[in-house]
Amino acid sequence: MADPNRSLSGLSEDEALEFHAQFKTTFTAFLVLAAFAHILVFIWKPWF
């Protein structure tokens, strides 16, 4: 029988919150890196 404390993903609420916190951190790092890359390319070869 399925554990009633688990969601459809199979994670408990605490596990889901931990995953979400890590996801926010890595997504923010990706956005900063992507923005930095775009700035460097724009400095090199402006597209306006």
PDB file of N, CA and C in Angstrom:
ATOM      1  N   MET A   1       0.837  -1.181   0.000  1.00  0.00           N
ATOM      2  CA  MET A   1       0.000   0.000   0.000  1.00  0.00           C
ATOM      3  C   MET A   1       0.881   1.243   0.000  1.00  0.00           C
ATOM      4  N   ALA A   2       0.427   2.281  -0.669  1.00  0.00           N
ATOM      5  CA  ALA A   2       1.191   3.516  -0.778  1.00  0.00           C
ATOM      6  C   ALA A   2       1.233   4.255   0.556  1.00  0.00           C
ATOM      7  N   ASP A   3       2.353   4.906   0.794  1.00  0.00           N
ATOM      8  CA  ASP A   3       2.514   5.700   2.006  1.00  0.00           C
ATOM      9  C   ASP A   3       1.718   7.000   1.844  1.00  0.00           C
ATOM     10  N   PRO A   4       0.787   7.298   2.741  1.00  0.00           N
ATOM     11  CA  PRO A   4      -0.033   8.505   2.590  1.00  0.00           C
ATOM     12  C   PRO A   4       0.751   9.805   2.777  1.00  0.00           C
ATOM     13  N   ASN A   5       1.963   9.715   3.327  1.00  0.00           N
ATOM     14  CA  ASN A   5       2.782  10.909   3.535  1.00  0.00           C
ATOM     15  C   ASN A   5       3.653  11.231   2.332  1.00  0.00           C
ATOM     16  N   ARG A   6       3.480  10.519   1.241  1.00  0.00           N
ATOM     17  CA  ARG A   6       4.281  10.738   0.037  1.00  0.00           C
ATOM     18  C   ARG A   6       3.398  11.327  -1.061  1.00  0.00           C
ATOM     19  N   SER A   7       4.006  12.144  -1.914  1.00  0.00           N
ATOM     20  CA  SER A   7       3.265  12.739  -3.017  1.00  0.00           C
ATOM     21  C   SER A   7       3.354  11.836  -4.243  1.00  0.00           C
ATOM     22  N   LEU A   8       2.828  12.293  -5.359  1.00  0.00           N
ATOM     23  CA  LEU A   8       2.893  11.516  -6.597  1.00  0.00           C
ATOM     24  C   LEU A   8       4.332  11.282  -7.042  1.00  0.00           C
ATOM     25  N   SER A   9       5.228  12.216  -6.696  1.00  0.00           N
ATOM     26  CA  SER A   9       6.628  12.069  -7.083  1.00  0.00           C
ATOM     27  C   SER A   9       7.362  11.040  -6.214  1.00  0.00           C
ATOM     28  N   GLY A  10       6.767  10.669  -5.105  1.00  0.00           N
ATOM     29  CA  GLY A  10       7.394   9.719  -4.200  1.00  0.00           C
ATOM     30  C   GLY A  10       8.220  10.378  -3.118  1.00  0.00           C
ATOM     31  N   LEU A  11       8.212  11.714  -3.088  1.00  0.00           N
ATOM     32  CA  LEU A  11       8.979  12.440  -2.083  1.00  0.00           C
ATOM     33  C   LEU A  11       8.087  12.812  -0.905  1.00  0.00           C
ATOM     34  N   SER A  12       8.684  12.823   0.279  1.00  0.00           N
ATOM     35  CA  SER A  12       7.962  13.340   1.434  1.00  0.00           C
ATOM     36  C   SER A  12       7.990  14.873   1.343  1.00  0.00           C
ATOM     37  N   GLU A  13       7.232  15.523   2.185  1.00  0.00           N
ATOM     38  CA  GLU A  13       7.201  16.989   2.145  1.00  0.00           C
ATOM     39  C   GLU A  13       8.574  17.579   2.450  1.00  0.00           C
ATOM     40  N   ASP A  14       9.282  17.008   3.435  1.00  0.00           N
ATOM     41  CA  ASP A  14      10.623  17.503   3.770  1.00  0.00           C
ATOM     42  C   ASP A  14      11.588  17.300   2.605  1.00  0.00           C
ATOM     43  N   GLU A  15      11.512  16.140   1.953  1.00  0.00           N
ATOM     44  CA  GLU A  15      12.382  15.877   0.801  1.00  0.00           C
ATOM     45  C   GLU A  15      12.064  16.834  -0.345  1.00  0.00           C
ATOM     46  N   ALA A  16      10.781  17.101  -0.554  1.00  0.00           N
ATOM     47  CA  ALA A  16      10.374  18.016  -1.613  1.00  0.00           C
ATOM     48  C   ALA A  16      10.876  19.430  -1.338  1.00  0.00           C
ATOM     49  N   LEU A  17      10.800  19.864  -0.093  1.00  0.00           N
ATOM     50  CA  LEU A  17      11.296  21.196   0.260  1.00  0.00           C
ATOM     51  C   LEU A  17      12.803  21.281   0.078  1.00  0.00           C
ATOM     52  N   GLU A  18      13.522  20.235   0.451  1.00  0.00           N
ATOM     53  CA  GLU A  18      14.971  20.203   0.277  1.00  0.00           C
ATOM     54  C   GLU A  18      15.334  20.234  -1.211  1.00  0.00           C
ATOM     55  N   PHE A  19      14.617  19.461  -2.012  1.00  0.00           N
ATOM     56  CA  PHE A  19      14.856  19.443  -3.461  1.00  0.00           C
ATOM     57  C   PHE A  19      14.580  20.820  -4.053  1.00  0.00           C
ATOM     58  N   HIS A  20      13.487  21.448  -3.634  1.00  0.00           N
ATOM     59  CA  HIS A  20      13.127  22.756  -4.164  1.00  0.00           C
ATOM     60  C   HIS A  20      14.184  23.797  -3.820  1.00  0.00           C
ATOM     61  N   ALA A  21      14.702  23.765  -2.611  1.00  0.00           N
ATOM     62  CA  ALA A  21      15.748  24.711  -2.207  1.00  0.00           C
ATOM     63  C   ALA A  21      16.996  24.524  -3.068  1.00  0.00           C
ATOM     64  N   GLN A  22      17.385  23.285  -3.298  1.00  0.00           N
ATOM     65  CA  GLN A  22      18.553  23.014  -4.136  1.00  0.00           C
ATOM     66  C   GLN A  22      18.288  23.429  -5.580  1.00  0.00           C
ATOM     67  N   PHE A  23      17.094  23.174  -6.065  1.00  0.00           N
ATOM     68  CA  PHE A  23      16.732  23.551  -7.431  1.00  0.00           C
ATOM     69  C   PHE A  23      16.807  25.064  -7.615  1.00  0.00           C
ATOM     70  N   LYS A  24      16.297  25.824  -6.630  1.00  0.00           N
ATOM     71  CA  LYS A  24      16.350  27.284  -6.719  1.00  0.00           C
ATOM     72  C   LYS A  24      17.794  27.768  -6.773  1.00  0.00           C
ATOM     73  N   THR A  25      18.664  27.161  -5.967  1.00  0.00           N
ATOM     74  CA  THR A  25      20.069  27.563  -5.939  1.00  0.00           C
ATOM     75  C   THR A  25      20.739  27.302  -7.279  1.00  0.00           C
ATOM     76  N   THR A  26      20.575  26.104  -7.820  1.00  0.00           N
ATOM     77  CA  THR A  26      21.235  25.769  -9.078  1.00  0.00           C
ATOM     78  C   THR A  26      20.627  26.541 -10.247  1.00  0.00           C
ATOM     79  N   PHE A  27      19.323  26.778 -10.234  1.00  0.00           N
ATOM     80  CA  PHE A  27      18.680  27.543 -11.303  1.00  0.00           C
ATOM     81  C   PHE A  27      19.166  28.981 -11.293  1.00  0.00           C
ATOM     82  N   THR A  28      19.307  29.568 -10.099  1.00  0.00           N
ATOM     83  CA  THR A  28      19.825  30.931  -9.990  1.00  0.00           C
ATOM     84  C   THR A  28      21.259  31.003 -10.502  1.00  0.00           C
ATOM     85  N   ALA A  29      22.079  30.011 -10.160  1.00  0.00           N
ATOM     86  CA  ALA A  29      23.457  29.978 -10.649  1.00  0.00           C
ATOM     87  C   ALA A  29      23.476  29.873 -12.179  1.00  0.00           C
ATOM     88  N   PHE A  30      22.604  29.061 -12.748  1.00  0.00           N
ATOM     89  CA  PHE A  30      22.516  28.933 -14.202  1.00  0.00           C
ATOM     90  C   PHE A  30      22.125  30.258 -14.837  1.00  0.00           C
ATOM     91  N   LEU A  31      21.139  30.944 -14.264  1.00  0.00           N
ATOM     92  CA  LEU A  31      20.707  32.223 -14.823  1.00  0.00           C
ATOM     93  C   LEU A  31      21.828  33.258 -14.780  1.00  0.00           C
ATOM     94  N   VAL A  32      22.561  33.305 -13.672  1.00  0.00           N
ATOM     95  CA  VAL A  32      23.672  34.253 -13.554  1.00  0.00           C
ATOM     96  C   VAL A  32      24.747  33.924 -14.592  1.00  0.00           C
ATOM     97  N   LEU A  33      25.078  32.662 -14.742  1.00  0.00           N
ATOM     98  CA  LEU A  33      26.082  32.257 -15.725  1.00  0.00           C
ATOM     99  C   LEU A  33      25.619  32.580 -17.142  1.00  0.00           C
ATOM    100  N   ALA A  34      24.367  32.320 -17.469  1.00  0.00           N
ATOM    101  CA  ALA A  34      23.835  32.612 -18.794  1.00  0.00           C
ATOM    102  C   ALA A  34      23.830  34.115 -19.062  1.00  0.00           C
ATOM    103  N   ALA A  35      23.438  34.910 -18.070  1.00  0.00           N
ATOM    104  CA  ALA A  35      23.446  36.369 -18.234  1.00  0.00           C
ATOM    105  C   ALA A  35      24.865  36.871 -18.450  1.00  0.00           C
ATOM    106  N   PHE A  36      25.804  36.349 -17.696  1.00  0.00           N
ATOM    107  CA  PHE A  36      27.213  36.737 -17.852  1.00  0.00           C
ATOM    108  C   PHE A  36      27.720  36.382 -19.241  1.00  0.00           C
ATOM    109  N   ALA A  37      27.380  35.214 -19.739  1.00  0.00           N
ATOM    110  CA  ALA A  37      27.793  34.806 -21.085  1.00  0.00           C
ATOM    111  C   ALA A  37      27.186  35.736 -22.128  1.00  0.00           C
ATOM    112  N   HIS A  38      25.920  36.098 -21.960  1.00  0.00           N
ATOM    113  CA  HIS A  38      25.287  37.014 -22.909  1.00  0.00           C
ATOM    114  C   HIS A  38      25.954  38.392 -22.880  1.00  0.00           C
ATOM    115  N   ILE A  39      26.300  38.855 -21.701  1.00  0.00           N
ATOM    116  CA  ILE A  39      26.987  40.149 -21.589  1.00  0.00           C
ATOM    117  C   ILE A  39      28.337  40.099 -22.300  1.00  0.00           C
ATOM    118  N   LEU A  40      29.086  39.017 -22.080  1.00  0.00           N
ATOM    119  CA  LEU A  40      30.384  38.899 -22.749  1.00  0.00           C
ATOM    120  C   LEU A  40      30.240  38.864 -24.272  1.00  0.00           C
ATOM    121  N   VAL A  41      29.274  38.140 -24.774  1.00  0.00           N
ATOM    122  CA  VAL A  41      29.051  38.084 -26.222  1.00  0.00           C
ATOM    123  C   VAL A  41      28.612  39.443 -26.738  1.00  0.00           C
ATOM    124  N   PHE A  42      27.769  40.146 -25.988  1.00  0.00           N
ATOM    125  CA  PHE A  42      27.313  41.464 -26.417  1.00  0.00           C
ATOM    126  C   PHE A  42      28.470  42.446 -26.475  1.00  0.00           C
ATOM    127  N   ILE A  43      29.390  42.366 -25.511  1.00  0.00           N
ATOM    128  CA  ILE A  43      30.574  43.234 -25.524  1.00  0.00           C
ATOM    129  C   ILE A  43      31.428  42.906 -26.756  1.00  0.00           C
ATOM    130  N   TRP A  44      31.555  41.623 -27.055  1.00  0.00           N
ATOM    131  CA  TRP A  44      32.367  41.174 -28.186  1.00  0.00           C
ATOM    132  C   TRP A  44      31.740  41.556 -29.522  1.00  0.00           C
ATOM    133  N   LYS A  45      30.437  41.311 -29.648  1.00  0.00           N
ATOM    134  CA  LYS A  45      29.758  41.511 -30.929  1.00  0.00           C
ATOM    135  C   LYS A  45      28.315  41.941 -30.666  1.00  0.00           C
ATOM    136  N   PRO A  46      28.092  43.258 -30.486  1.00  0.00           N
ATOM    137  CA  PRO A  46      26.735  43.734 -30.188  1.00  0.00           C
ATOM    138  C   PRO A  46      25.749  43.373 -31.288  1.00  0.00           C
ATOM    139  N   TRP A  47      24.545  42.998 -30.908  1.00  0.00           N
ATOM    140  CA  TRP A  47      23.557  42.592 -31.891  1.00  0.00           C
ATOM    141  C   TRP A  47      22.495  43.662 -32.128  1.00  0.00           C
ATOM    142  N   PHE A  48      22.683  44.849 -31.554  1.00  0.00           N
ATOM    143  CA  PHE A  48      21.730  45.947 -31.818  1.00  0.00           C
ATOM    144  C   PHE A  48      22.188  46.725 -33.019  1.00  0.00           C
TER     145      PHE A  48
END
